[in-house]
Amino acid sequence: MSTQATTELSDPAKTEQDTNAPDQNIEVPEGSLHQEQMDTDHLPKQVLIPLCLSLCLCLFMAALDQTIVTVALPRIASDFNALADISWVGSAFLITSTAFQGLYGKCSTIFGYKIMILFAMFFFLGGSLICALSTGIVMLIIGRAIAGIGGAGIQTMCQIIIAVVCPIQDRSLYQGILGAAYMVGTTIGPLIGGAFTDHLNWRWAFYINLPIGAVAAIAVTAVLRHQPAPNTSWKERFSRIDYLGTLLLVGWVVVFLLPLSWGGSTYPWNSAVIISLFCVFGVLFIVFVLVQWKYSKEPLMPARVFTVHRNPPLVFASSILSGMCLLGIMYYVPILFQEGMGNSATIAGVKCIPFMVTSILASVSAGVIINVFLVYRPVICLGGALVTTGAGLMTLWTRDSNVGTQVGFMIVCGFGMGWYLQGIIISAQAASRKEDLPVTTGLISFCRSLGGSIGVTVFGSVFNNALLHTLPKDVPNISESVVAAALSQDQAILSTLPEATRNAIANASVDALRYVFYAIIGLMGAATLLGFATGHVQLSKEELEFLQETEEA
């Protein structure tokens, strides 16, 4: 029998147990991934391994771009004399990447995985080229918005492709490898970005994507051979697109993220603009839900994805919460190192490397553990507990905390985050129908990205409010201009203050950031409980041996 042969497994419903009642079975949906074994989409290892390496290169490029550009922003603002508009370089990418992330899952079932990932890479590389050649801040922002459309697809499609072409018993391992590639790109991005900005030109932060992307596109084209049904015409494929749902999805995400970006900076939170945008968001979101569940023939987010089993909706919710916590740690810990402990940007970046490295190791090790022991819920719970514990330990940081304490607490958080994120992906995929796997995987990425966008804003409000409360206590008679400089971390003003005042502001910043970690503790604790509530879907050893014998035959 070939590796593409299909055979029925033993009764899969017997292998799923309820979280709260171990002796009871949960009905597994017919056609779920748990019931499948070697499908025609599954690839032999001699093809799967080079495909995985190609996807790793794609993810590495996307992750590198997100952090390499951040380091170059101050120099870009100076060159274009656009300090007031520089935040839009990040916001444009964030808004389009989040808005379009939810589209790739459904579109991949219509047009095929190869077409969609190449489509994403085309937009990403095109946007990067526009950024590299930009002559002004507006052109740069447009380029980042275009790149965001592609960046959303690269991350989502890599996860979808591995989920579809990889047998379920090996899926966690390969997804762990993808996670490692993403973390590597995130880790070295600031270092490469700093080198380009200081010794070459900030434009190289965008040029570097072109050769990497070209190699990745060629590799994916050569290895990935999945195509949609050959008898389906292009006209039929385009007719299957949910155009109204697409417009509503992009609309409510953009209208939701705009006030999050503007609130408290461009406009006050209680301004008519912010309140109106949130009201429009509410209307568009409700209409989107009604259209998806009642009227769309092929909805972007089918109702059955949320109702077929409790795992997917629980994972979507936990992805939002964990996305908030992940971005909160990655964004505010470097601020604490710089503003509270007086480290340079480079030193702060180096201190964050242990978090990235342990996340990589944890992601891969979680894949191995799930692959060997065929369970994922313990991985989720332990990972969530470690992140919660690590955030709790971070509240103990002071300006005098030694490097060992700083790095050690980051390692605890990093290891827990790697385990948690890997576990929840597998728990949703294992309980999903095979035909819904691309949509489910895409929604996980969408929810995590949306959570990150929400988290940066929520934690920013927590930090600012706490700092406004602590500054008058630590710095009596502080002027409004100094308060504004402390809130925006404006070193041009802060560096001119007396040393005693700077130290007092640093102490206030550490105290204020402690409240951010308190918020992360609560959110990650809730995410851990959601992970614990997932149903336990497991392949037995006998089923795994049967699958392996089928492959060998």
Protein backbone atom coordinates (compact mmCIF):
# COMPACT_ATOMS: atom_id res chain seq x y z
CA MET A 1 0.00 0.00 0.00
CA SER A 2 1.34 3.46 -0.83
CA THR A 3 1.77 6.25 1.67
CA GLN A 4 -1.29 7.90 0.18
CA ALA A 5 -3.61 5.01 0.94
CA THR A 6 -6.58 5.70 3.19
CA THR A 7 -7.83 3.32 5.84
CA GLU A 8 -10.31 3.62 8.69
CA LEU A 9 -8.99 3.92 12.24
CA SER A 10 -10.38 2.16 15.24
CA ASP A 11 -13.25 3.97 16.94
CA PRO A 12 -11.75 7.42 17.59
CA ALA A 13 -14.49 8.55 19.91
CA LYS A 14 -13.10 6.17 22.51
CA THR A 15 -9.86 8.10 22.70
CA GLU A 16 -11.40 11.44 23.63
CA GLN A 17 -12.13 12.15 27.25
CA ASP A 18 -13.90 15.02 28.88
CA THR A 19 -11.73 17.37 30.90
CA ASN A 20 -14.01 17.33 33.89
CA ALA A 21 -15.22 13.72 33.61
CA PRO A 22 -12.34 11.44 32.65
CA ASP A 23 -14.52 8.35 32.38
CA GLN A 24 -16.96 9.91 29.91
CA ASN A 25 -16.52 10.26 26.19
CA ILE A 26 -17.10 13.37 24.13
CA GLU A 27 -18.57 12.75 20.72
CA VAL A 28 -15.95 13.53 18.09
CA PRO A 29 -17.38 15.06 14.91
CA GLU A 30 -17.48 12.87 11.86
CA GLY A 31 -14.73 13.78 9.45
CA SER A 32 -12.62 15.32 12.20
CA LEU A 33 -8.87 15.29 11.86
CA HIS A 34 -8.78 12.89 14.75
CA GLN A 35 -10.46 10.30 12.54
CA GLU A 36 -8.20 10.73 9.55
CA GLN A 37 -4.93 8.95 9.00
CA MET A 38 -2.86 8.99 5.81
CA ASP A 39 -4.78 11.23 3.42
CA THR A 40 -3.90 12.09 -0.14
CA ASP A 41 -2.79 15.53 1.07
CA HIS A 42 -0.21 14.01 3.40
CA LEU A 43 3.33 13.98 2.08
CA PRO A 44 6.10 11.43 2.57
CA LYS A 45 8.98 12.59 4.74
CA GLN A 46 11.38 12.97 1.82
CA VAL A 47 9.06 15.73 0.56
CA LEU A 48 7.76 16.98 3.92
CA ILE A 49 11.20 17.84 5.31
CA PRO A 50 12.31 20.13 2.43
CA LEU A 51 8.84 21.70 2.41
CA CYS A 52 9.13 22.42 6.13
CA LEU A 53 12.54 24.02 5.59
CA SER A 54 11.09 26.19 2.82
CA LEU A 55 8.26 27.34 5.07
CA CYS A 56 10.75 28.00 7.86
CA LEU A 57 12.57 30.39 5.53
CA CYS A 58 9.29 32.19 4.80
CA LEU A 59 8.45 32.54 8.49
CA PHE A 60 12.00 33.59 9.33
CA MET A 61 11.70 36.41 6.80
CA ALA A 62 8.33 37.57 8.15
CA ALA A 63 9.55 37.52 11.75
CA LEU A 64 12.81 39.25 10.87
CA ASP A 65 10.87 42.05 9.19
CA GLN A 66 8.76 42.80 12.26
CA THR A 67 11.70 43.43 14.59
CA ILE A 68 14.37 44.67 12.18
CA VAL A 69 12.19 47.63 11.15
CA THR A 70 11.48 48.68 14.75
CA VAL A 71 15.14 49.46 15.36
CA ALA A 72 15.33 51.62 12.22
CA LEU A 73 12.31 53.82 13.05
CA PRO A 74 14.20 56.61 14.87
CA ARG A 75 16.61 57.03 11.95
CA ILE A 76 13.73 56.95 9.44
CA ALA A 77 11.89 59.65 11.40
CA SER A 78 15.01 61.79 11.37
CA ASP A 79 15.71 61.34 7.64
CA PHE A 80 12.14 62.15 6.61
CA ASN A 81 11.63 64.77 9.35
CA ALA A 82 8.43 62.95 10.26
CA LEU A 83 8.53 62.25 13.98
CA ALA A 84 4.80 62.96 14.32
CA ASP A 85 3.88 60.37 11.67
CA ILE A 86 6.44 57.65 12.36
CA SER A 87 4.05 55.59 14.50
CA TRP A 88 1.98 54.97 11.35
CA VAL A 89 4.83 52.89 9.91
CA GLY A 90 4.06 50.26 12.53
CA SER A 91 0.31 50.88 12.68
CA ALA A 92 -0.17 50.49 8.91
CA PHE A 93 1.47 47.06 8.93
CA LEU A 94 -0.40 45.99 12.07
CA ILE A 95 -3.83 47.04 10.79
CA THR A 96 -3.58 45.41 7.35
CA SER A 97 -1.92 42.24 8.63
CA THR A 98 -4.62 41.75 11.26
CA ALA A 99 -7.47 42.67 8.91
CA PHE A 100 -6.43 40.28 6.14
CA GLN A 101 -5.26 37.40 8.31
CA GLY A 102 -8.75 36.02 8.62
CA LEU A 103 -9.16 35.77 4.83
CA TYR A 104 -6.34 33.40 3.95
CA GLY A 105 -7.80 30.32 5.60
CA LYS A 106 -10.96 30.27 3.49
CA CYS A 107 -9.25 31.47 0.31
CA SER A 108 -6.71 28.65 0.56
CA THR A 109 -9.56 26.13 0.27
CA ILE A 110 -10.72 27.87 -2.91
CA PHE A 111 -7.49 28.68 -4.74
CA GLY A 112 -5.05 26.21 -3.20
CA TYR A 113 -2.21 26.55 -0.71
CA LYS A 114 0.56 27.20 -3.22
CA ILE A 115 -1.29 30.05 -4.94
CA MET A 116 -2.17 31.73 -1.66
CA ILE A 117 1.29 31.61 -0.10
CA LEU A 118 2.86 32.91 -3.32
CA PHE A 119 0.17 35.62 -3.41
CA ALA A 120 1.15 36.59 0.14
CA MET A 121 4.86 36.65 -0.69
CA PHE A 122 4.21 38.81 -3.76
CA PHE A 123 2.50 41.47 -1.63
CA PHE A 124 5.09 41.21 1.13
CA LEU A 125 8.06 41.58 -1.20
CA GLY A 126 6.32 44.28 -3.25
CA GLY A 127 5.60 46.27 -0.11
CA SER A 128 9.18 45.81 1.08
CA LEU A 129 10.51 47.12 -2.24
CA ILE A 130 8.26 50.19 -2.03
CA CYS A 131 9.56 50.84 1.50
CA ALA A 132 13.19 50.47 0.43
CA LEU A 133 12.71 52.93 -2.44
CA SER A 134 10.46 55.35 -0.55
CA THR A 135 11.13 59.05 -0.93
CA GLY A 136 8.87 60.20 1.88
CA ILE A 137 6.98 59.02 4.94
CA VAL A 138 3.67 58.61 3.05
CA MET A 139 5.24 56.27 0.50
CA LEU A 140 6.84 54.30 3.33
CA ILE A 141 3.53 53.94 5.17
CA ILE A 142 1.80 52.74 1.98
CA GLY A 143 4.56 50.20 1.46
CA ARG A 144 4.18 48.89 5.01
CA ALA A 145 0.42 48.58 4.56
CA ILE A 146 0.94 46.51 1.40
CA ALA A 147 3.59 44.40 3.13
CA GLY A 148 1.15 43.78 5.98
CA ILE A 149 -1.31 42.13 3.59
CA GLY A 150 1.41 39.70 2.58
CA GLY A 151 2.85 39.27 6.06
CA ALA A 152 -0.53 38.11 7.35
CA GLY A 153 -0.69 35.44 4.65
CA ILE A 154 2.84 34.16 5.15
CA GLN A 155 2.30 33.43 8.83
CA THR A 156 -1.15 31.94 8.34
CA MET A 157 -0.39 29.87 5.24
CA CYS A 158 2.75 28.29 6.71
CA GLN A 159 0.70 26.99 9.64
CA ILE A 160 -2.12 25.84 7.36
CA ILE A 161 0.16 24.01 4.92
CA ILE A 162 1.94 22.06 7.65
CA ALA A 163 -1.38 21.22 9.30
CA VAL A 164 -2.79 19.83 6.04
CA VAL A 165 0.17 17.97 4.54
CA CYS A 166 1.56 16.56 7.81
CA PRO A 167 0.03 13.48 9.51
CA ILE A 168 -1.54 14.36 12.84
CA GLN A 169 0.90 12.24 14.87
CA ASP A 170 3.84 14.29 13.51
CA ARG A 171 2.14 17.66 13.22
CA SER A 172 3.18 19.05 16.59
CA LEU A 173 6.85 18.38 15.86
CA TYR A 174 6.83 20.21 12.53
CA GLN A 175 4.80 23.10 13.92
CA GLY A 176 7.36 23.37 16.69
CA ILE A 177 10.09 23.70 14.06
CA LEU A 178 8.11 26.47 12.34
CA GLY A 179 7.76 28.22 15.68
CA ALA A 180 11.50 27.97 16.19
CA ALA A 181 12.17 29.60 12.81
CA TYR A 182 9.83 32.44 13.69
CA MET A 183 11.51 33.01 17.04
CA VAL A 184 14.98 32.99 15.46
CA GLY A 185 13.91 35.74 13.07
CA THR A 186 12.37 37.73 15.91
CA THR A 187 15.51 37.34 18.03
CA ILE A 188 18.16 38.41 15.53
CA GLY A 189 16.04 41.13 13.90
CA PRO A 190 17.04 43.92 16.31
CA LEU A 191 20.72 43.00 16.02
CA ILE A 192 20.69 43.03 12.20
CA GLY A 193 18.53 46.14 12.14
CA GLY A 194 20.95 47.96 14.41
CA ALA A 195 23.90 46.94 12.26
CA PHE A 196 22.18 48.11 9.06
CA THR A 197 21.07 51.39 10.59
CA ASP A 198 24.45 52.20 12.14
CA HIS A 199 26.83 50.96 9.43
CA LEU A 200 24.89 50.86 6.13
CA ASN A 201 21.47 52.41 5.64
CA TRP A 202 18.02 51.81 7.12
CA ARG A 203 16.77 50.91 3.62
CA TRP A 204 18.64 47.63 3.91
CA ALA A 205 16.14 46.62 6.59
CA PHE A 206 13.70 46.31 3.67
CA TYR A 207 16.09 45.27 0.90
CA ILE A 208 17.12 42.17 2.86
CA ASN A 209 13.64 40.71 2.37
CA LEU A 210 14.07 40.53 -1.41
CA PRO A 211 16.82 37.87 -1.71
CA ILE A 212 15.43 35.86 1.20
CA GLY A 213 11.93 36.01 -0.26
CA ALA A 214 13.13 35.05 -3.74
CA VAL A 215 14.86 31.93 -2.42
CA ALA A 216 11.84 31.03 -0.28
CA ALA A 217 9.41 31.50 -3.19
CA ILE A 218 11.49 29.30 -5.49
CA ALA A 219 11.78 26.62 -2.82
CA VAL A 220 8.05 26.61 -2.05
CA THR A 221 7.19 26.52 -5.76
CA ALA A 222 9.49 23.55 -6.31
CA VAL A 223 8.34 21.50 -3.33
CA LEU A 224 4.67 22.32 -2.73
CA ARG A 225 2.48 20.68 -5.35
CA HIS A 226 -1.00 20.89 -3.85
CA GLN A 227 -3.58 22.42 -6.21
CA PRO A 228 -7.37 22.80 -6.00
CA ALA A 229 -9.62 20.43 -7.92
CA PRO A 230 -8.47 20.40 -11.58
CA ASN A 231 -12.04 20.60 -12.91
CA THR A 232 -12.71 23.89 -11.13
CA SER A 233 -12.51 26.94 -13.39
CA TRP A 234 -11.19 30.30 -12.26
CA LYS A 235 -14.66 31.77 -12.69
CA GLU A 236 -16.10 29.15 -10.35
CA ARG A 237 -13.37 29.78 -7.79
CA PHE A 238 -13.93 33.53 -7.75
CA SER A 239 -17.69 32.97 -7.48
CA ARG A 240 -17.10 31.10 -4.20
CA ILE A 241 -15.52 34.11 -2.49
CA ASP A 242 -17.63 35.67 0.25
CA TYR A 243 -17.21 39.26 -0.96
CA LEU A 244 -19.65 40.80 1.51
CA GLY A 245 -18.09 38.90 4.40
CA THR A 246 -14.63 39.98 3.26
CA LEU A 247 -15.58 43.66 3.18
CA LEU A 248 -17.26 43.44 6.57
CA LEU A 249 -14.32 41.58 8.15
CA VAL A 250 -11.73 44.04 6.89
CA GLY A 251 -14.06 46.90 7.80
CA TRP A 252 -14.70 46.00 11.43
CA VAL A 253 -11.07 45.10 12.10
CA VAL A 254 -9.80 48.40 10.66
CA VAL A 255 -12.48 50.44 12.45
CA PHE A 256 -11.62 48.60 15.69
CA LEU A 257 -7.85 49.05 15.43
CA LEU A 258 -7.90 52.71 14.39
CA PRO A 259 -9.26 54.01 17.71
CA LEU A 260 -6.88 51.70 19.55
CA SER A 261 -4.01 53.37 17.67
CA TRP A 262 -5.37 56.92 18.03
CA GLY A 263 -6.85 56.78 21.53
CA GLY A 264 -4.88 58.66 24.16
CA SER A 265 -2.40 60.07 21.63
CA THR A 266 -3.96 61.57 18.50
CA TYR A 267 -7.39 61.94 20.14
CA PRO A 268 -8.58 61.68 23.76
CA TRP A 269 -10.34 58.42 24.59
CA ASN A 270 -13.58 60.30 25.28
CA SER A 271 -13.48 62.26 22.01
CA ALA A 272 -16.29 62.04 19.46
CA VAL A 273 -13.96 60.46 16.90
CA ILE A 274 -12.93 57.56 19.14
CA ILE A 275 -16.44 56.90 20.46
CA SER A 276 -17.93 57.06 16.95
CA LEU A 277 -15.38 54.58 15.59
CA PHE A 278 -16.12 52.11 18.38
CA CYS A 279 -19.85 52.45 17.67
CA VAL A 280 -19.29 51.79 13.96
CA PHE A 281 -17.15 48.79 14.91
CA GLY A 282 -19.98 47.36 17.00
CA VAL A 283 -22.48 47.70 14.15
CA LEU A 284 -20.13 46.20 11.54
CA PHE A 285 -19.20 43.31 13.82
CA ILE A 286 -22.83 42.39 14.50
CA VAL A 287 -23.68 42.58 10.79
CA PHE A 288 -20.62 40.44 9.99
CA VAL A 289 -21.71 37.74 12.43
CA LEU A 290 -25.25 37.70 11.01
CA VAL A 291 -24.00 37.51 7.43
CA GLN A 292 -21.57 34.70 8.25
CA TRP A 293 -23.99 32.55 10.18
CA LYS A 294 -27.23 33.20 8.27
CA TYR A 295 -26.67 34.38 4.70
CA SER A 296 -23.23 33.51 3.26
CA LYS A 297 -23.17 30.35 1.15
CA GLU A 298 -19.45 29.84 1.80
CA PRO A 299 -18.69 31.98 4.85
CA LEU A 300 -15.18 32.98 5.87
CA MET A 301 -15.91 31.72 9.38
CA PRO A 302 -18.46 28.87 9.18
CA ALA A 303 -20.63 28.39 12.25
CA ARG A 304 -19.67 24.72 12.43
CA VAL A 305 -16.07 25.69 13.23
CA PHE A 306 -17.37 27.14 16.51
CA THR A 307 -20.00 24.50 17.25
CA VAL A 308 -18.55 21.16 16.12
CA HIS A 309 -16.48 20.82 19.31
CA ARG A 310 -15.68 22.99 22.29
CA ASN A 311 -11.92 23.06 21.63
CA PRO A 312 -11.80 25.53 18.69
CA PRO A 313 -13.82 28.35 20.33
CA LEU A 314 -11.89 27.90 23.58
CA VAL A 315 -8.62 28.09 21.65
CA PHE A 316 -9.75 31.20 19.74
CA ALA A 317 -10.50 32.95 23.04
CA SER A 318 -7.25 31.78 24.64
CA SER A 319 -5.32 32.89 21.54
CA ILE A 320 -6.59 36.44 22.02
CA LEU A 321 -5.55 36.41 25.69
CA SER A 322 -2.16 34.78 25.09
CA GLY A 323 -1.54 37.14 22.16
CA MET A 324 -2.11 40.07 24.51
CA CYS A 325 0.34 38.62 27.02
CA LEU A 326 2.99 37.75 24.43
CA LEU A 327 3.03 41.26 22.95
CA GLY A 328 2.87 42.76 26.43
CA ILE A 329 6.02 40.93 27.48
CA MET A 330 7.89 41.59 24.24
CA TYR A 331 6.95 45.29 24.22
CA TYR A 332 7.12 46.37 27.86
CA VAL A 333 10.01 44.32 29.25
CA PRO A 334 12.50 46.17 26.99
CA ILE A 335 10.93 49.46 28.13
CA LEU A 336 11.52 48.43 31.74
CA PHE A 337 15.15 47.58 31.00
CA GLN A 338 15.70 50.91 29.25
CA GLU A 339 13.58 53.36 31.23
CA GLY A 340 13.69 51.69 34.62
CA MET A 341 17.16 50.16 34.71
CA GLY A 342 19.01 52.57 32.44
CA ASN A 343 20.10 50.03 29.83
CA SER A 344 20.77 50.99 26.22
CA ALA A 345 18.46 49.71 23.50
CA THR A 346 21.10 47.17 22.46
CA ILE A 347 21.58 45.82 25.99
CA ALA A 348 17.82 45.65 26.50
CA GLY A 349 17.52 43.66 23.28
CA VAL A 350 20.29 41.28 24.32
CA LYS A 351 18.59 40.69 27.69
CA CYS A 352 15.40 39.67 25.85
CA ILE A 353 17.21 37.01 23.81
CA PRO A 354 16.80 34.35 26.57
CA PHE A 355 13.02 34.77 26.29
CA MET A 356 13.18 34.13 22.55
CA VAL A 357 15.65 31.26 22.78
CA THR A 358 13.72 29.42 25.49
CA SER A 359 10.50 29.95 23.52
CA ILE A 360 12.18 28.25 20.56
CA LEU A 361 13.41 25.33 22.65
CA ALA A 362 10.05 24.99 24.39
CA SER A 363 8.13 25.06 21.11
CA VAL A 364 10.26 22.26 19.65
CA SER A 365 10.26 20.24 22.88
CA ALA A 366 6.48 20.57 23.15
CA GLY A 367 6.19 19.15 19.66
CA VAL A 368 8.38 16.21 20.65
CA ILE A 369 6.42 15.58 23.87
CA ILE A 370 3.05 15.67 22.11
CA ASN A 371 4.43 13.44 19.37
CA VAL A 372 5.74 10.86 21.86
CA PHE A 373 3.06 10.87 24.56
CA LEU A 374 0.10 11.81 22.33
CA VAL A 375 -1.28 14.34 24.82
CA TYR A 376 -1.39 18.12 24.71
CA ARG A 377 -3.49 19.34 27.65
CA PRO A 378 -0.69 18.90 30.22
CA VAL A 379 1.59 20.89 27.91
CA ILE A 380 -0.98 23.70 27.73
CA CYS A 381 -1.57 23.83 31.48
CA LEU A 382 2.10 23.66 32.46
CA GLY A 383 3.01 26.26 29.84
CA GLY A 384 0.31 28.66 31.01
CA ALA A 385 1.30 28.15 34.65
CA LEU A 386 4.94 28.95 33.84
CA VAL A 387 4.04 32.17 32.01
CA THR A 388 1.80 33.23 34.90
CA THR A 389 4.54 32.41 37.40
CA GLY A 390 7.17 34.22 35.33
CA ALA A 391 5.02 37.35 35.12
CA GLY A 392 4.52 37.15 38.87
CA LEU A 393 8.27 36.96 39.40
CA MET A 394 8.74 40.00 37.15
CA THR A 395 6.73 42.07 39.62
CA LEU A 396 9.64 41.58 42.03
CA TRP A 397 12.09 43.39 39.73
CA THR A 398 13.62 46.60 41.02
CA ARG A 399 16.19 48.97 39.56
CA ASP A 400 18.85 47.05 41.48
CA SER A 401 17.86 43.54 40.32
CA ASN A 402 20.90 41.66 39.05
CA VAL A 403 21.23 40.31 35.52
CA GLY A 404 20.78 36.72 36.69
CA THR A 405 17.38 37.55 38.16
CA GLN A 406 16.33 39.43 35.05
CA VAL A 407 17.39 36.67 32.65
CA GLY A 408 16.10 33.88 34.89
CA PHE A 409 12.57 35.26 35.05
CA MET A 410 12.58 35.80 31.28
CA ILE A 411 13.54 32.14 30.79
CA VAL A 412 10.58 30.98 32.89
CA CYS A 413 8.19 33.09 30.79
CA GLY A 414 9.77 32.08 27.49
CA PHE A 415 9.63 28.38 28.20
CA GLY A 416 6.01 28.58 29.31
CA MET A 417 4.94 30.64 26.29
CA GLY A 418 6.52 28.17 23.85
CA TRP A 419 4.70 25.24 25.44
CA TYR A 420 1.37 27.03 25.71
CA LEU A 421 1.18 28.33 22.15
CA GLN A 422 2.20 24.98 20.68
CA GLY A 423 -0.33 23.06 22.77
CA ILE A 424 -3.39 25.16 21.98
CA ILE A 425 -2.82 24.93 18.22
CA ILE A 426 -2.78 21.13 18.35
CA SER A 427 -5.84 20.99 20.63
CA ALA A 428 -7.95 22.95 18.13
CA GLN A 429 -6.67 21.09 15.08
CA ALA A 430 -7.20 17.67 16.64
CA ALA A 431 -10.89 18.41 17.24
CA SER A 432 -11.62 20.08 13.89
CA ARG A 433 -13.15 18.63 10.76
CA LYS A 434 -10.61 17.98 8.04
CA GLU A 435 -12.26 20.38 5.61
CA ASP A 436 -12.24 23.13 8.26
CA LEU A 437 -8.57 22.79 9.18
CA PRO A 438 -7.37 25.75 7.06
CA VAL A 439 -10.08 28.01 8.48
CA THR A 440 -9.43 26.88 12.06
CA THR A 441 -5.69 27.40 11.75
CA GLY A 442 -6.16 30.78 10.11
CA LEU A 443 -8.54 31.89 12.85
CA ILE A 444 -5.99 30.98 15.53
CA SER A 445 -3.41 33.23 13.86
CA PHE A 446 -6.02 35.96 13.42
CA CYS A 447 -7.08 35.84 17.07
CA ARG A 448 -3.49 35.91 18.31
CA SER A 449 -2.69 38.89 16.12
CA LEU A 450 -5.86 40.68 17.20
CA GLY A 451 -5.01 39.97 20.82
CA GLY A 452 -1.56 41.45 20.35
CA SER A 453 -3.06 44.63 18.92
CA ILE A 454 -5.46 44.90 21.85
CA GLY A 455 -2.74 44.07 24.37
CA VAL A 456 -0.36 46.84 23.37
CA THR A 457 -3.16 49.39 23.81
CA VAL A 458 -4.56 47.95 27.05
CA PHE A 459 -1.17 47.61 28.70
CA GLY A 460 -0.25 51.08 27.44
CA SER A 461 -3.27 52.50 29.25
CA VAL A 462 -2.39 50.53 32.39
CA PHE A 463 1.19 51.81 32.30
CA ASN A 464 0.25 55.43 31.61
CA ASN A 465 -2.40 55.55 34.34
CA ALA A 466 -0.08 53.91 36.85
CA LEU A 467 2.75 56.29 35.94
CA LEU A 468 0.48 59.32 36.31
CA HIS A 469 -0.40 58.01 39.77
CA THR A 470 3.16 57.24 40.92
CA LEU A 471 5.08 60.19 39.41
CA PRO A 472 3.72 62.90 41.75
CA LYS A 473 4.67 60.73 44.73
CA ASP A 474 8.24 60.07 43.55
CA VAL A 475 8.82 63.51 41.97
CA PRO A 476 7.06 66.31 43.91
CA ASN A 477 6.18 69.46 41.94
CA ILE A 478 6.88 67.74 38.61
CA SER A 479 5.96 69.85 35.57
CA GLU A 480 3.47 68.77 32.92
CA SER A 481 6.18 68.76 30.23
CA VAL A 482 8.28 66.31 32.24
CA VAL A 483 5.23 64.11 32.83
CA ALA A 484 4.57 64.09 29.08
CA ALA A 485 8.22 63.21 28.42
CA ALA A 486 8.06 60.35 30.92
CA LEU A 487 4.88 58.97 29.33
CA SER A 488 6.39 59.06 25.83
CA GLN A 489 9.91 58.05 26.96
CA ASP A 490 11.28 61.19 25.29
CA GLN A 491 14.99 60.91 26.03
CA ALA A 492 15.72 64.30 24.49
CA ILE A 493 13.94 65.92 27.45
CA LEU A 494 14.62 63.33 30.14
CA SER A 495 18.38 63.41 29.55
CA THR A 496 18.48 67.14 30.43
CA LEU A 497 16.98 66.62 33.89
CA PRO A 498 19.04 66.43 37.10
CA GLU A 499 20.24 62.94 37.99
CA ALA A 500 18.06 62.78 41.10
CA THR A 501 14.97 63.57 39.04
CA ARG A 502 15.89 61.00 36.40
CA ASN A 503 16.34 58.36 39.10
CA ALA A 504 12.98 59.21 40.64
CA ILE A 505 11.28 58.95 37.23
CA ALA A 506 13.01 55.60 36.65
CA ASN A 507 11.71 54.31 39.99
CA ALA A 508 8.22 55.49 39.09
CA SER A 509 8.48 53.71 35.71
CA VAL A 510 9.44 50.43 37.39
CA ASP A 511 6.53 50.77 39.80
CA ALA A 512 4.12 51.54 36.94
CA LEU A 513 5.30 48.62 34.82
CA ARG A 514 4.62 46.35 37.77
CA TYR A 515 0.91 46.92 37.12
CA VAL A 516 1.39 45.75 33.53
CA PHE A 517 2.76 42.47 34.87
CA TYR A 518 -0.20 42.22 37.26
CA ALA A 519 -2.50 42.49 34.25
CA ILE A 520 -0.51 39.82 32.40
CA ILE A 521 -0.85 37.50 35.42
CA GLY A 522 -4.64 37.82 35.32
CA LEU A 523 -4.97 37.43 31.55
CA MET A 524 -2.57 34.50 31.33
CA GLY A 525 -4.29 32.84 34.27
CA ALA A 526 -7.59 33.10 32.40
CA ALA A 527 -5.94 31.73 29.24
CA THR A 528 -4.60 28.78 31.23
CA LEU A 529 -8.07 27.99 32.56
CA LEU A 530 -9.46 28.07 29.02
CA GLY A 531 -6.72 25.67 27.95
CA PHE A 532 -7.55 23.36 30.85
CA ALA A 533 -11.20 23.38 29.77
CA THR A 534 -10.40 21.95 26.33
CA GLY A 535 -11.51 18.39 25.63
CA HIS A 536 -8.81 15.74 25.47
CA VAL A 537 -8.55 14.30 21.94
CA GLN A 538 -5.81 11.71 21.65
CA LEU A 539 -4.52 9.09 19.24
CA SER A 540 -3.85 5.83 21.04
CA LYS A 541 -0.58 3.94 20.72
CA GLU A 542 -2.39 1.22 18.79
CA GLU A 543 -3.69 3.74 16.27
CA LEU A 544 -0.27 5.31 15.88
CA GLU A 545 1.33 1.90 15.29
CA PHE A 546 -1.42 1.12 12.76
CA LEU A 547 -0.67 4.36 10.92
CA GLN A 548 3.04 3.63 10.88
CA GLU A 549 2.45 0.10 9.56
CA THR A 550 0.23 1.56 6.83
CA GLU A 551 3.00 3.97 5.83
CA GLU A 552 5.59 1.18 5.73
CA ALA A 553 3.30 -1.02 3.64
